[in-house]
C-alpha cells in the first residue's frame, strides 16, 4: 500500500503539529475500521522493515508450537491452586531461575509425564 499525496501531506501536517503544538485541532478526514488498520499496518511495515517484524511486534505471546507469534494459539489448561501451592510455585520459580508460573508448570508436567508414562 502506497500513501497518496493527500495522506502524505496530512501526516506531514500532523507531525508538524506534534512537534510544535499550538492547542488547536486540525480538521480533515479520518479513517476507520479496515482502512485504518491497513494504514497502520503500512506504517509499521515501513518503520520495521518486514512482515516478520510487524508480526512479532503485534503478535502477542509466542506460540509454544512450531508457529511464530500471531499464527494460532497454544493449547491451554487452567488450574486452581491452594494458597500453599501458590507459595511453593513462587519459591520454586526463584530457586530454579524460572521467569513465569507457566514455564514452571510446563517443566513440572514434563517431569511428571516422563515418570508416569515411562518415556525418555
N, C-alpha and C. Protein backbone atom coordinates (compact mmCIF):
# COMPACT_ATOMS: atom_id res chain seq x y z
N UNK A 1 0.84 -1.17 0.00
CA UNK A 1 0.00 0.00 0.00
C UNK A 1 0.89 1.24 0.00
N UNK A 2 0.66 2.11 -0.93
CA UNK A 2 1.41 3.36 -1.02
C UNK A 2 0.51 4.49 -0.55
N UNK A 3 1.06 5.37 0.26
CA UNK A 3 0.28 6.51 0.73
C UNK A 3 0.08 7.50 -0.41
N UNK A 4 -1.12 8.03 -0.49
CA UNK A 4 -1.40 9.04 -1.50
C UNK A 4 -0.73 10.35 -1.11
N UNK A 5 -0.62 11.24 -2.07
CA UNK A 5 -0.07 12.58 -1.79
C UNK A 5 -0.88 13.26 -0.68
N UNK A 6 -2.20 13.05 -0.73
CA UNK A 6 -3.09 13.65 0.28
C UNK A 6 -2.74 13.12 1.67
N UNK A 7 -2.55 11.79 1.78
CA UNK A 7 -2.20 11.20 3.08
C UNK A 7 -0.81 11.65 3.53
N UNK A 8 0.12 11.71 2.61
CA UNK A 8 1.47 12.16 2.96
C UNK A 8 1.44 13.58 3.52
N UNK A 9 0.67 14.45 2.87
CA UNK A 9 0.55 15.84 3.34
C UNK A 9 -0.13 15.88 4.71
N UNK A 10 -1.15 15.06 4.87
CA UNK A 10 -1.85 15.01 6.16
C UNK A 10 -0.90 14.57 7.27
N UNK A 11 -0.11 13.53 7.04
CA UNK A 11 0.84 13.06 8.05
C UNK A 11 1.93 14.09 8.32
N UNK A 12 2.34 14.82 7.27
CA UNK A 12 3.33 15.88 7.47
C UNK A 12 2.77 16.96 8.39
N UNK A 13 1.49 17.34 8.14
CA UNK A 13 0.85 18.36 8.98
C UNK A 13 0.70 17.86 10.42
N UNK A 14 0.32 16.61 10.58
CA UNK A 14 0.18 16.05 11.93
C UNK A 14 1.52 16.01 12.65
N UNK A 15 2.57 15.64 11.94
CA UNK A 15 3.91 15.62 12.55
C UNK A 15 4.32 17.02 12.97
N UNK A 16 4.05 18.00 12.12
CA UNK A 16 4.36 19.39 12.43
C UNK A 16 3.60 19.83 13.68
N UNK A 17 2.34 19.47 13.76
CA UNK A 17 1.52 19.82 14.92
C UNK A 17 2.09 19.21 16.20
N UNK A 18 2.51 17.96 16.13
CA UNK A 18 3.08 17.29 17.30
C UNK A 18 4.40 17.91 17.72
N UNK A 19 5.18 18.34 16.76
CA UNK A 19 6.47 18.94 17.06
C UNK A 19 6.34 20.37 17.58
N UNK A 20 5.28 21.07 17.14
CA UNK A 20 5.06 22.47 17.53
C UNK A 20 3.59 22.66 17.88
N UNK A 21 3.12 22.09 19.00
CA UNK A 21 1.70 22.18 19.33
C UNK A 21 1.28 23.63 19.62
N UNK A 22 0.10 23.97 19.14
CA UNK A 22 -0.42 25.31 19.39
C UNK A 22 -1.79 25.28 20.05
N UNK A 23 -2.26 24.10 20.40
CA UNK A 23 -3.53 23.97 21.10
C UNK A 23 -4.75 23.93 20.21
N UNK A 24 -4.59 23.93 18.91
CA UNK A 24 -5.75 23.87 18.03
C UNK A 24 -5.85 22.50 17.39
N UNK A 25 -7.05 22.14 17.03
CA UNK A 25 -7.28 20.86 16.35
C UNK A 25 -7.18 21.06 14.85
N UNK A 26 -6.79 20.02 14.17
CA UNK A 26 -6.78 20.08 12.71
C UNK A 26 -8.03 19.39 12.19
N UNK A 27 -8.57 19.93 11.15
CA UNK A 27 -9.73 19.30 10.53
C UNK A 27 -9.25 18.38 9.43
N UNK A 28 -10.09 17.50 9.03
CA UNK A 28 -9.71 16.63 7.93
C UNK A 28 -10.40 15.29 8.03
N UNK A 29 -10.03 14.45 7.16
CA UNK A 29 -10.63 13.13 7.01
C UNK A 29 -10.00 12.18 8.03
N UNK A 30 -10.81 11.30 8.58
CA UNK A 30 -10.27 10.26 9.46
C UNK A 30 -10.63 8.90 8.88
N UNK A 31 -9.82 7.93 9.20
CA UNK A 31 -10.03 6.58 8.69
C UNK A 31 -10.50 5.68 9.83
N UNK A 32 -11.31 4.69 9.48
CA UNK A 32 -11.86 3.78 10.48
C UNK A 32 -11.82 2.35 9.96
N UNK A 33 -11.92 1.41 10.88
CA UNK A 33 -12.05 0.01 10.52
C UNK A 33 -10.89 -0.53 9.71
N UNK A 34 -11.22 -1.31 8.68
CA UNK A 34 -10.20 -1.98 7.87
C UNK A 34 -9.26 -0.99 7.20
N UNK A 35 -9.80 0.15 6.78
CA UNK A 35 -8.96 1.15 6.12
C UNK A 35 -7.91 1.70 7.10
N UNK A 36 -8.33 2.00 8.32
CA UNK A 36 -7.39 2.50 9.33
C UNK A 36 -6.37 1.43 9.68
N UNK A 37 -6.82 0.18 9.78
CA UNK A 37 -5.90 -0.92 10.09
C UNK A 37 -4.86 -1.09 8.98
N UNK A 38 -5.29 -0.97 7.73
CA UNK A 38 -4.36 -1.10 6.61
C UNK A 38 -3.31 0.01 6.63
N UNK A 39 -3.74 1.22 6.94
CA UNK A 39 -2.79 2.33 7.03
C UNK A 39 -1.81 2.10 8.18
N UNK A 40 -2.33 1.68 9.32
CA UNK A 40 -1.46 1.40 10.47
C UNK A 40 -0.46 0.30 10.16
N UNK A 41 -0.91 -0.74 9.51
CA UNK A 41 -0.01 -1.85 9.15
C UNK A 41 1.06 -1.36 8.18
N UNK A 42 0.67 -0.52 7.23
CA UNK A 42 1.63 0.03 6.27
C UNK A 42 2.70 0.86 6.99
N UNK A 43 2.27 1.68 7.93
CA UNK A 43 3.23 2.49 8.69
C UNK A 43 4.18 1.61 9.48
N UNK A 44 3.65 0.55 10.10
CA UNK A 44 4.52 -0.38 10.83
C UNK A 44 5.50 -1.08 9.89
N UNK A 45 5.01 -1.49 8.74
CA UNK A 45 5.88 -2.16 7.77
C UNK A 45 7.02 -1.24 7.33
N UNK A 46 6.69 0.02 7.07
CA UNK A 46 7.74 0.98 6.70
C UNK A 46 8.73 1.18 7.84
N UNK A 47 8.21 1.25 9.07
CA UNK A 47 9.08 1.52 10.22
C UNK A 47 9.93 0.31 10.59
N UNK A 48 9.35 -0.90 10.49
CA UNK A 48 10.04 -2.10 10.96
C UNK A 48 10.75 -2.87 9.85
N UNK A 49 10.34 -2.68 8.61
CA UNK A 49 11.09 -3.23 7.50
C UNK A 49 10.66 -4.57 6.94
N UNK A 50 9.87 -5.35 7.67
CA UNK A 50 9.46 -6.65 7.13
C UNK A 50 8.16 -7.11 7.78
N UNK A 51 7.45 -8.00 7.07
CA UNK A 51 6.22 -8.58 7.61
C UNK A 51 6.50 -9.36 8.89
N UNK A 52 7.65 -10.05 8.93
CA UNK A 52 8.01 -10.83 10.13
C UNK A 52 8.17 -9.91 11.33
N UNK A 53 8.79 -8.76 11.13
CA UNK A 53 8.99 -7.82 12.23
C UNK A 53 7.66 -7.24 12.70
N UNK A 54 6.74 -6.98 11.76
CA UNK A 54 5.42 -6.48 12.12
C UNK A 54 4.67 -7.54 12.91
N UNK A 55 4.70 -8.80 12.44
CA UNK A 55 4.01 -9.89 13.15
C UNK A 55 4.56 -10.04 14.56
N UNK A 56 5.86 -9.94 14.70
CA UNK A 56 6.48 -10.06 16.02
C UNK A 56 6.04 -8.90 16.92
N UNK A 57 5.96 -7.71 16.36
CA UNK A 57 5.60 -6.53 17.14
C UNK A 57 4.15 -6.56 17.60
N UNK A 58 3.24 -7.09 16.80
CA UNK A 58 1.82 -7.06 17.15
C UNK A 58 1.25 -8.42 17.48
N UNK A 59 2.07 -9.46 17.45
CA UNK A 59 1.56 -10.82 17.55
C UNK A 59 1.19 -11.31 18.93
N UNK A 60 1.54 -10.61 19.99
CA UNK A 60 1.21 -11.10 21.31
C UNK A 60 2.19 -12.16 21.77
N UNK A 61 1.71 -13.06 22.59
CA UNK A 61 2.57 -14.11 23.12
C UNK A 61 3.00 -15.06 22.02
N UNK A 62 4.24 -15.54 22.09
CA UNK A 62 4.67 -16.52 21.10
C UNK A 62 3.97 -17.86 21.33
N UNK A 63 3.72 -18.57 20.26
CA UNK A 63 3.13 -19.90 20.34
C UNK A 63 4.14 -20.87 20.91
N UNK A 64 3.67 -21.90 21.57
CA UNK A 64 4.56 -22.93 22.09
C UNK A 64 4.86 -24.00 21.05
N UNK A 65 4.12 -23.98 19.95
CA UNK A 65 4.35 -24.96 18.90
C UNK A 65 5.39 -24.47 17.91
N UNK A 66 5.24 -24.90 16.67
CA UNK A 66 6.20 -24.53 15.63
C UNK A 66 5.84 -23.19 14.99
N UNK A 67 4.70 -22.65 15.34
CA UNK A 67 4.28 -21.38 14.74
C UNK A 67 4.91 -20.21 15.49
N UNK A 68 5.00 -19.09 14.82
CA UNK A 68 5.51 -17.89 15.46
C UNK A 68 4.34 -17.08 16.00
N UNK A 69 4.66 -16.05 16.74
CA UNK A 69 3.64 -15.21 17.35
C UNK A 69 2.63 -14.74 16.31
N UNK A 70 1.36 -14.76 16.71
CA UNK A 70 0.32 -14.27 15.83
C UNK A 70 -0.22 -15.30 14.87
N UNK A 71 0.24 -16.54 14.93
CA UNK A 71 -0.21 -17.57 13.99
C UNK A 71 -0.80 -18.75 14.74
N UNK A 72 -1.92 -18.55 15.40
CA UNK A 72 -2.57 -19.64 16.11
C UNK A 72 -2.28 -19.58 17.59
N UNK A 73 -3.00 -20.39 18.33
CA UNK A 73 -2.83 -20.37 19.78
C UNK A 73 -2.35 -21.72 20.28
N UNK A 74 -1.74 -21.70 21.44
CA UNK A 74 -1.28 -22.93 22.08
C UNK A 74 -2.40 -23.48 22.95
N UNK A 75 -2.47 -24.81 23.10
CA UNK A 75 -3.46 -25.39 24.00
C UNK A 75 -3.27 -24.84 25.41
N UNK A 76 -4.37 -24.64 26.12
CA UNK A 76 -4.32 -24.05 27.45
C UNK A 76 -5.09 -24.91 28.44
N UNK A 77 -4.53 -25.04 29.64
CA UNK A 77 -5.22 -25.69 30.75
C UNK A 77 -5.22 -24.70 31.91
N UNK A 78 -6.39 -24.41 32.45
CA UNK A 78 -6.49 -23.51 33.61
C UNK A 78 -6.67 -24.36 34.86
N UNK A 79 -5.93 -23.99 35.90
CA UNK A 79 -5.94 -24.78 37.13
C UNK A 79 -6.03 -23.86 38.33
N UNK A 80 -6.81 -24.24 39.32
CA UNK A 80 -6.84 -23.52 40.59
C UNK A 80 -5.89 -24.22 41.53
N UNK A 81 -5.21 -23.43 42.37
CA UNK A 81 -4.26 -23.99 43.32
C UNK A 81 -4.58 -23.48 44.72
N UNK A 82 -4.08 -24.20 45.72
CA UNK A 82 -4.24 -23.76 47.11
C UNK A 82 -3.25 -22.62 47.39
N UNK A 83 -3.46 -21.94 48.49
CA UNK A 83 -2.54 -20.86 48.88
C UNK A 83 -1.13 -21.42 49.09
N UNK A 84 -1.05 -22.61 49.67
CA UNK A 84 0.24 -23.25 49.90
C UNK A 84 0.94 -23.59 48.58
N UNK A 85 0.20 -24.12 47.63
CA UNK A 85 0.77 -24.42 46.31
C UNK A 85 1.25 -23.14 45.62
N UNK A 86 0.49 -22.08 45.77
CA UNK A 86 0.86 -20.79 45.19
C UNK A 86 2.20 -20.31 45.75
N UNK A 87 2.37 -20.42 47.06
CA UNK A 87 3.62 -20.03 47.71
C UNK A 87 4.77 -20.91 47.22
N UNK A 88 4.51 -22.23 47.12
CA UNK A 88 5.55 -23.15 46.64
C UNK A 88 5.96 -22.84 45.20
N UNK A 89 5.01 -22.48 44.38
CA UNK A 89 5.32 -22.11 42.99
C UNK A 89 6.24 -20.90 42.96
N UNK A 90 5.92 -19.91 43.76
CA UNK A 90 6.75 -18.71 43.82
C UNK A 90 8.15 -19.03 44.31
N UNK A 91 8.25 -19.86 45.34
CA UNK A 91 9.55 -20.26 45.88
C UNK A 91 10.37 -21.00 44.83
N UNK A 92 9.75 -21.98 44.18
CA UNK A 92 10.45 -22.77 43.16
C UNK A 92 10.87 -21.93 41.96
N UNK A 93 10.02 -21.00 41.56
CA UNK A 93 10.36 -20.13 40.43
C UNK A 93 11.68 -19.40 40.71
N UNK A 94 11.80 -18.86 41.91
CA UNK A 94 13.02 -18.13 42.25
C UNK A 94 14.21 -19.08 42.38
N UNK A 95 13.99 -20.21 43.00
CA UNK A 95 15.07 -21.18 43.21
C UNK A 95 15.59 -21.73 41.89
N UNK A 96 14.69 -21.97 40.95
CA UNK A 96 15.06 -22.58 39.67
C UNK A 96 15.37 -21.53 38.59
N UNK A 97 15.26 -20.25 38.94
CA UNK A 97 15.50 -19.16 37.99
C UNK A 97 14.58 -19.27 36.78
N UNK A 98 13.32 -19.55 37.05
CA UNK A 98 12.28 -19.64 36.03
C UNK A 98 11.48 -18.34 36.08
N UNK A 99 11.19 -17.77 34.92
CA UNK A 99 10.56 -16.45 34.89
C UNK A 99 9.06 -16.45 35.17
N UNK A 100 8.35 -17.46 34.68
CA UNK A 100 6.89 -17.43 34.78
C UNK A 100 6.33 -18.68 35.43
N UNK A 101 5.12 -18.53 35.97
CA UNK A 101 4.41 -19.68 36.52
C UNK A 101 4.21 -20.74 35.44
N UNK A 102 3.83 -20.29 34.25
CA UNK A 102 3.57 -21.23 33.15
C UNK A 102 4.80 -22.06 32.82
N UNK A 103 5.96 -21.41 32.79
CA UNK A 103 7.19 -22.14 32.48
C UNK A 103 7.47 -23.20 33.54
N UNK A 104 7.28 -22.84 34.81
CA UNK A 104 7.50 -23.80 35.90
C UNK A 104 6.52 -24.97 35.79
N UNK A 105 5.26 -24.67 35.51
CA UNK A 105 4.25 -25.73 35.39
C UNK A 105 4.57 -26.65 34.21
N UNK A 106 5.06 -26.10 33.09
CA UNK A 106 5.43 -26.95 31.95
C UNK A 106 6.59 -27.87 32.31
N UNK A 107 7.59 -27.35 33.04
CA UNK A 107 8.72 -28.18 33.48
C UNK A 107 8.20 -29.31 34.38
N UNK A 108 7.34 -28.96 35.33
CA UNK A 108 6.80 -29.96 36.25
C UNK A 108 5.98 -31.01 35.50
N UNK A 109 5.16 -30.57 34.55
CA UNK A 109 4.36 -31.52 33.76
C UNK A 109 5.23 -32.46 32.94
N UNK A 110 6.30 -31.92 32.34
CA UNK A 110 7.22 -32.76 31.58
C UNK A 110 7.82 -33.84 32.47
N UNK A 111 8.27 -33.45 33.66
CA UNK A 111 8.85 -34.43 34.59
C UNK A 111 7.81 -35.47 35.00
N UNK A 112 6.61 -35.02 35.31
CA UNK A 112 5.54 -35.92 35.74
C UNK A 112 5.17 -36.90 34.62
N UNK A 113 5.02 -36.39 33.41
CA UNK A 113 4.65 -37.25 32.27
C UNK A 113 5.75 -38.26 31.97
N UNK A 114 7.00 -37.82 32.02
CA UNK A 114 8.11 -38.74 31.78
C UNK A 114 8.10 -39.87 32.80
N UNK A 115 7.88 -39.51 34.05
CA UNK A 115 7.88 -40.51 35.13
C UNK A 115 6.71 -41.49 34.98
N UNK A 116 5.53 -40.99 34.72
CA UNK A 116 4.34 -41.84 34.74
C UNK A 116 4.01 -42.48 33.40
N UNK A 117 4.56 -41.98 32.32
CA UNK A 117 4.32 -42.59 31.01
C UNK A 117 5.52 -43.40 30.54
N UNK A 118 6.56 -43.46 31.37
CA UNK A 118 7.77 -44.25 31.07
C UNK A 118 8.36 -43.89 29.72
N UNK A 119 8.52 -42.61 29.47
CA UNK A 119 9.15 -42.21 28.21
C UNK A 119 10.40 -41.40 28.53
N UNK A 120 11.26 -41.31 27.58
CA UNK A 120 12.54 -40.60 27.79
C UNK A 120 12.53 -39.32 27.02
